[in-house]
Amino acid sequence: MNGKHIGVAVAALVLATLSASVAAGEPTGKSKGNVARGKYIVEQVAMCTDCHSPRNERGEFIRERWLHGAPLDFKNTVPMPKWAEAAPPLAGLPGWSEKELVTLLTTGKDQKGEQPDPPMPPYRMTRDDAGAVAAYLKSLPPPSGK
């Protein structure tokens, strides 16, 4: 095999591998980076885990239920309408499409055009950041039965 044929064979192998990973639903190189970026935003910037992940009696996160929703252990100090008693699950995006979540995170409005119930902030993320968050959350296994 000459150099030209080797290059064609390598390109075909790369294309076949990429096609197989996309068909299997595996993240490609670009989406792997997007998922990692989303994880960073969720866990280190927006701190979604603080409300949306349950904790044990010692206050430690229950890793097996990461972002599976949790009761809110704090209350507002003044009466506030529509205060959420629990944070919904985010892992796997149950009940949400990635597009709907991007809209929520970029406009502060949900599928019905309303702001989320407090204490959820009405985020105004960039489309790229919101897309990365949606990609990360979608990549997580949803709570059983969702």
C-alpha atoms as a PDB file:
ATOM      1  CA  MET A   1       0.000   0.000   0.000  1.00  0.00           C
ATOM      2  CA  ASN A   2       1.358   3.401  -0.901  1.00  0.00           C
ATOM      3  CA  GLY A   3       0.988   6.566   1.207  1.00  0.00           C
ATOM      4  CA  LYS A   4      -2.107   7.708  -0.653  1.00  0.00           C
ATOM      5  CA  HIS A   5      -3.921   4.450  -0.005  1.00  0.00           C
ATOM      6  CA  ILE A   6      -2.921   4.464   3.662  1.00  0.00           C
ATOM      7  CA  GLY A   7      -4.289   8.000   4.047  1.00  0.00           C
ATOM      8  CA  VAL A   8      -7.584   6.981   2.429  1.00  0.00           C
ATOM      9  CA  ALA A   9      -7.785   3.878   4.651  1.00  0.00           C
ATOM     10  CA  VAL A  10      -7.133   5.936   7.793  1.00  0.00           C
ATOM     11  CA  ALA A  11      -9.738   8.527   6.775  1.00  0.00           C
ATOM     12  CA  ALA A  12     -12.287   5.751   6.117  1.00  0.00           C
ATOM     13  CA  LEU A  13     -11.545   4.197   9.514  1.00  0.00           C
ATOM     14  CA  VAL A  14     -11.957   7.542  11.297  1.00  0.00           C
ATOM     15  CA  LEU A  15     -15.210   8.217   9.448  1.00  0.00           C
ATOM     16  CA  ALA A  16     -16.554   4.734  10.243  1.00  0.00           C
ATOM     17  CA  THR A  17     -15.653   5.097  13.932  1.00  0.00           C
ATOM     18  CA  LEU A  18     -17.209   8.549  14.130  1.00  0.00           C
ATOM     19  CA  SER A  19     -20.361   7.343  12.361  1.00  0.00           C
ATOM     20  CA  ALA A  20     -20.654   4.372  14.727  1.00  0.00           C
ATOM     21  CA  SER A  21     -20.258   6.561  17.825  1.00  0.00           C
ATOM     22  CA  VAL A  22     -22.833   9.065  16.557  1.00  0.00           C
ATOM     23  CA  ALA A  23     -25.253   6.241  15.688  1.00  0.00           C
ATOM     24  CA  ALA A  24     -24.763   4.790  19.179  1.00  0.00           C
ATOM     25  CA  GLY A  25     -25.531   8.159  20.720  1.00  0.00           C
ATOM     26  CA  GLU A  26     -22.015   8.644  22.050  1.00  0.00           C
ATOM     27  CA  PRO A  27     -20.743  12.220  22.271  1.00  0.00           C
ATOM     28  CA  THR A  28     -18.404  13.256  19.466  1.00  0.00           C
ATOM     29  CA  GLY A  29     -15.239  15.207  20.242  1.00  0.00           C
ATOM     30  CA  LYS A  30     -17.047  18.544  20.000  1.00  0.00           C
ATOM     31  CA  SER A  31     -20.041  17.434  22.056  1.00  0.00           C
ATOM     32  CA  LYS A  32     -17.782  15.765  24.657  1.00  0.00           C
ATOM     33  CA  GLY A  33     -16.227  19.195  25.201  1.00  0.00           C
ATOM     34  CA  ASN A  34     -19.690  20.750  25.313  1.00  0.00           C
ATOM     35  CA  VAL A  35     -20.822  18.201  27.932  1.00  0.00           C
ATOM     36  CA  ALA A  36     -17.686  18.898  30.012  1.00  0.00           C
ATOM     37  CA  ARG A  37     -18.332  22.623  29.772  1.00  0.00           C
ATOM     38  CA  GLY A  38     -21.951  22.077  30.801  1.00  0.00           C
ATOM     39  CA  LYS A  39     -20.832  20.002  33.782  1.00  0.00           C
ATOM     40  CA  TYR A  40     -18.527  22.818  34.869  1.00  0.00           C
ATOM     41  CA  ILE A  41     -21.331  25.398  34.595  1.00  0.00           C
ATOM     42  CA  VAL A  42     -23.850  23.188  36.421  1.00  0.00           C
ATOM     43  CA  GLU A  43     -21.529  22.113  39.223  1.00  0.00           C
ATOM     44  CA  GLN A  44     -19.144  25.054  39.687  1.00  0.00           C
ATOM     45  CA  VAL A  45     -20.906  28.189  38.419  1.00  0.00           C
ATOM     46  CA  ALA A  46     -24.697  27.882  38.604  1.00  0.00           C
ATOM     47  CA  MET A  47     -24.419  25.445  41.538  1.00  0.00           C
ATOM     48  CA  CYS A  48     -27.516  23.515  40.385  1.00  0.00           C
ATOM     49  CA  THR A  49     -26.530  20.552  42.544  1.00  0.00           C
ATOM     50  CA  ASP A  50     -27.104  22.493  45.754  1.00  0.00           C
ATOM     51  CA  CYS A  51     -30.883  22.385  45.272  1.00  0.00           C
ATOM     52  CA  HIS A  52     -31.423  19.641  42.686  1.00  0.00           C
ATOM     53  CA  SER A  53     -29.393  16.834  44.359  1.00  0.00           C
ATOM     54  CA  PRO A  54     -30.515  15.138  47.585  1.00  0.00           C
ATOM     55  CA  ARG A  55     -28.282  14.858  50.617  1.00  0.00           C
ATOM     56  CA  ASN A  56     -27.968  12.268  53.353  1.00  0.00           C
ATOM     57  CA  GLU A  57     -28.379  12.889  57.088  1.00  0.00           C
ATOM     58  CA  ARG A  58     -24.771  14.200  57.264  1.00  0.00           C
ATOM     59  CA  GLY A  59     -25.442  16.769  54.543  1.00  0.00           C
ATOM     60  CA  GLU A  60     -23.365  14.898  51.953  1.00  0.00           C
ATOM     61  CA  PHE A  61     -24.664  14.538  48.418  1.00  0.00           C
ATOM     62  CA  ILE A  62     -26.141  11.164  47.543  1.00  0.00           C
ATOM     63  CA  ARG A  63     -24.104  10.560  44.382  1.00  0.00           C
ATOM     64  CA  GLU A  64     -26.414   7.804  43.112  1.00  0.00           C
ATOM     65  CA  ARG A  65     -29.189  10.420  42.934  1.00  0.00           C
ATOM     66  CA  TRP A  66     -27.099  13.248  41.427  1.00  0.00           C
ATOM     67  CA  LEU A  67     -29.416  15.952  40.047  1.00  0.00           C
ATOM     68  CA  HIS A  68     -32.458  13.706  40.558  1.00  0.00           C
ATOM     69  CA  GLY A  69     -34.392  16.451  42.392  1.00  0.00           C
ATOM     70  CA  ALA A  70     -34.651  17.082  46.113  1.00  0.00           C
ATOM     71  CA  PRO A  71     -36.799  18.750  48.756  1.00  0.00           C
ATOM     72  CA  LEU A  72     -35.630  22.260  49.564  1.00  0.00           C
ATOM     73  CA  ASP A  73     -34.317  22.398  53.116  1.00  0.00           C
ATOM     74  CA  PHE A  74     -34.612  26.169  53.376  1.00  0.00           C
ATOM     75  CA  LYS A  75     -37.536  28.558  53.376  1.00  0.00           C
ATOM     76  CA  ASN A  76     -37.957  32.160  52.360  1.00  0.00           C
ATOM     77  CA  THR A  77     -37.768  34.722  55.170  1.00  0.00           C
ATOM     78  CA  VAL A  78     -40.783  36.715  53.967  1.00  0.00           C
ATOM     79  CA  PRO A  79     -44.013  35.376  52.452  1.00  0.00           C
ATOM     80  CA  MET A  80     -43.550  34.800  48.740  1.00  0.00           C
ATOM     81  CA  PRO A  81     -46.089  33.388  46.300  1.00  0.00           C
ATOM     82  CA  LYS A  82     -45.244  30.220  44.383  1.00  0.00           C
ATOM     83  CA  TRP A  83     -42.229  29.277  46.544  1.00  0.00           C
ATOM     84  CA  ALA A  84     -41.113  25.804  45.425  1.00  0.00           C
ATOM     85  CA  GLU A  85     -41.033  23.150  48.132  1.00  0.00           C
ATOM     86  CA  ALA A  86     -38.794  20.888  46.059  1.00  0.00           C
ATOM     87  CA  ALA A  87     -36.331  21.195  43.199  1.00  0.00           C
ATOM     88  CA  PRO A  88     -37.312  19.019  40.227  1.00  0.00           C
ATOM     89  CA  PRO A  89     -35.017  16.420  38.681  1.00  0.00           C
ATOM     90  CA  LEU A  90     -32.627  17.676  36.012  1.00  0.00           C
ATOM     91  CA  ALA A  91     -30.703  14.491  35.131  1.00  0.00           C
ATOM     92  CA  GLY A  92     -31.807  13.289  31.708  1.00  0.00           C
ATOM     93  CA  LEU A  93     -34.056  16.373  31.305  1.00  0.00           C
ATOM     94  CA  PRO A  94     -37.338  14.618  32.232  1.00  0.00           C
ATOM     95  CA  GLY A  95     -40.232  16.630  30.794  1.00  0.00           C
ATOM     96  CA  TRP A  96     -37.936  19.017  28.904  1.00  0.00           C
ATOM     97  CA  SER A  97     -36.349  19.098  25.494  1.00  0.00           C
ATOM     98  CA  GLU A  98     -32.874  20.565  25.171  1.00  0.00           C
ATOM     99  CA  LYS A  99     -34.393  23.447  23.176  1.00  0.00           C
ATOM    100  CA  GLU A 100     -36.907  24.204  25.968  1.00  0.00           C
ATOM    101  CA  LEU A 101     -34.158  24.225  28.590  1.00  0.00           C
ATOM    102  CA  VAL A 102     -32.012  26.530  26.448  1.00  0.00           C
ATOM    103  CA  THR A 103     -34.990  28.908  26.213  1.00  0.00           C
ATOM    104  CA  LEU A 104     -35.442  28.818  30.009  1.00  0.00           C
ATOM    105  CA  LEU A 105     -31.754  29.461  30.677  1.00  0.00           C
ATOM    106  CA  THR A 106     -31.433  32.264  28.100  1.00  0.00           C
ATOM    107  CA  THR A 107     -34.741  34.087  28.670  1.00  0.00           C
ATOM    108  CA  GLY A 108     -35.703  33.187  32.234  1.00  0.00           C
ATOM    109  CA  LYS A 109     -39.050  31.825  30.921  1.00  0.00           C
ATOM    110  CA  ASP A 110     -40.310  28.236  30.912  1.00  0.00           C
ATOM    111  CA  GLN A 111     -42.409  26.389  28.298  1.00  0.00           C
ATOM    112  CA  LYS A 112     -45.490  28.384  29.375  1.00  0.00           C
ATOM    113  CA  GLY A 113     -43.667  31.724  29.153  1.00  0.00           C
ATOM    114  CA  GLU A 114     -43.467  32.060  32.949  1.00  0.00           C
ATOM    115  CA  GLN A 115     -40.516  32.606  35.256  1.00  0.00           C
ATOM    116  CA  PRO A 116     -39.533  29.591  37.337  1.00  0.00           C
ATOM    117  CA  ASP A 117     -40.846  29.439  40.882  1.00  0.00           C
ATOM    118  CA  PRO A 118     -38.480  30.894  43.463  1.00  0.00           C
ATOM    119  CA  PRO A 119     -35.874  30.172  44.665  1.00  0.00           C
ATOM    120  CA  MET A 120     -34.912  29.209  41.079  1.00  0.00           C
ATOM    121  CA  PRO A 121     -33.305  32.287  39.555  1.00  0.00           C
ATOM    122  CA  PRO A 122     -34.431  33.462  36.106  1.00  0.00           C
ATOM    123  CA  TYR A 123     -31.074  32.841  34.428  1.00  0.00           C
ATOM    124  CA  ARG A 124     -29.888  34.815  31.400  1.00  0.00           C
ATOM    125  CA  MET A 125     -27.114  32.589  30.085  1.00  0.00           C
ATOM    126  CA  THR A 126     -25.604  32.843  26.625  1.00  0.00           C
ATOM    127  CA  ARG A 127     -26.982  30.350  24.083  1.00  0.00           C
ATOM    128  CA  ASP A 128     -23.649  28.516  24.055  1.00  0.00           C
ATOM    129  CA  ASP A 129     -23.573  28.168  27.856  1.00  0.00           C
ATOM    130  CA  ALA A 130     -27.240  27.128  27.993  1.00  0.00           C
ATOM    131  CA  GLY A 131     -26.648  24.585  25.214  1.00  0.00           C
ATOM    132  CA  ALA A 132     -23.693  23.142  27.120  1.00  0.00           C
ATOM    133  CA  VAL A 133     -25.798  22.862  30.295  1.00  0.00           C
ATOM    134  CA  ALA A 134     -28.577  21.115  28.343  1.00  0.00           C
ATOM    135  CA  ALA A 135     -26.063  18.711  26.743  1.00  0.00           C
ATOM    136  CA  TYR A 136     -24.588  17.808  30.150  1.00  0.00           C
ATOM    137  CA  LEU A 137     -27.964  17.310  31.834  1.00  0.00           C
ATOM    138  CA  LYS A 138     -29.228  15.232  28.893  1.00  0.00           C
ATOM    139  CA  SER A 139     -26.131  13.022  29.163  1.00  0.00           C
ATOM    140  CA  LEU A 140     -26.974  12.004  32.739  1.00  0.00           C
ATOM    141  CA  PRO A 141     -29.118   8.972  33.523  1.00  0.00           C
ATOM    142  CA  PRO A 142     -32.595  10.142  34.544  1.00  0.00           C
ATOM    143  CA  PRO A 143     -34.174   9.092  37.827  1.00  0.00           C
ATOM    144  CA  SER A 144     -35.666   5.609  37.509  1.00  0.00           C
ATOM    145  CA  GLY A 145     -39.160   5.617  36.136  1.00  0.00           C
ATOM    146  CA  LYS A 146     -38.691   8.913  34.221  1.00  0.00           C
END
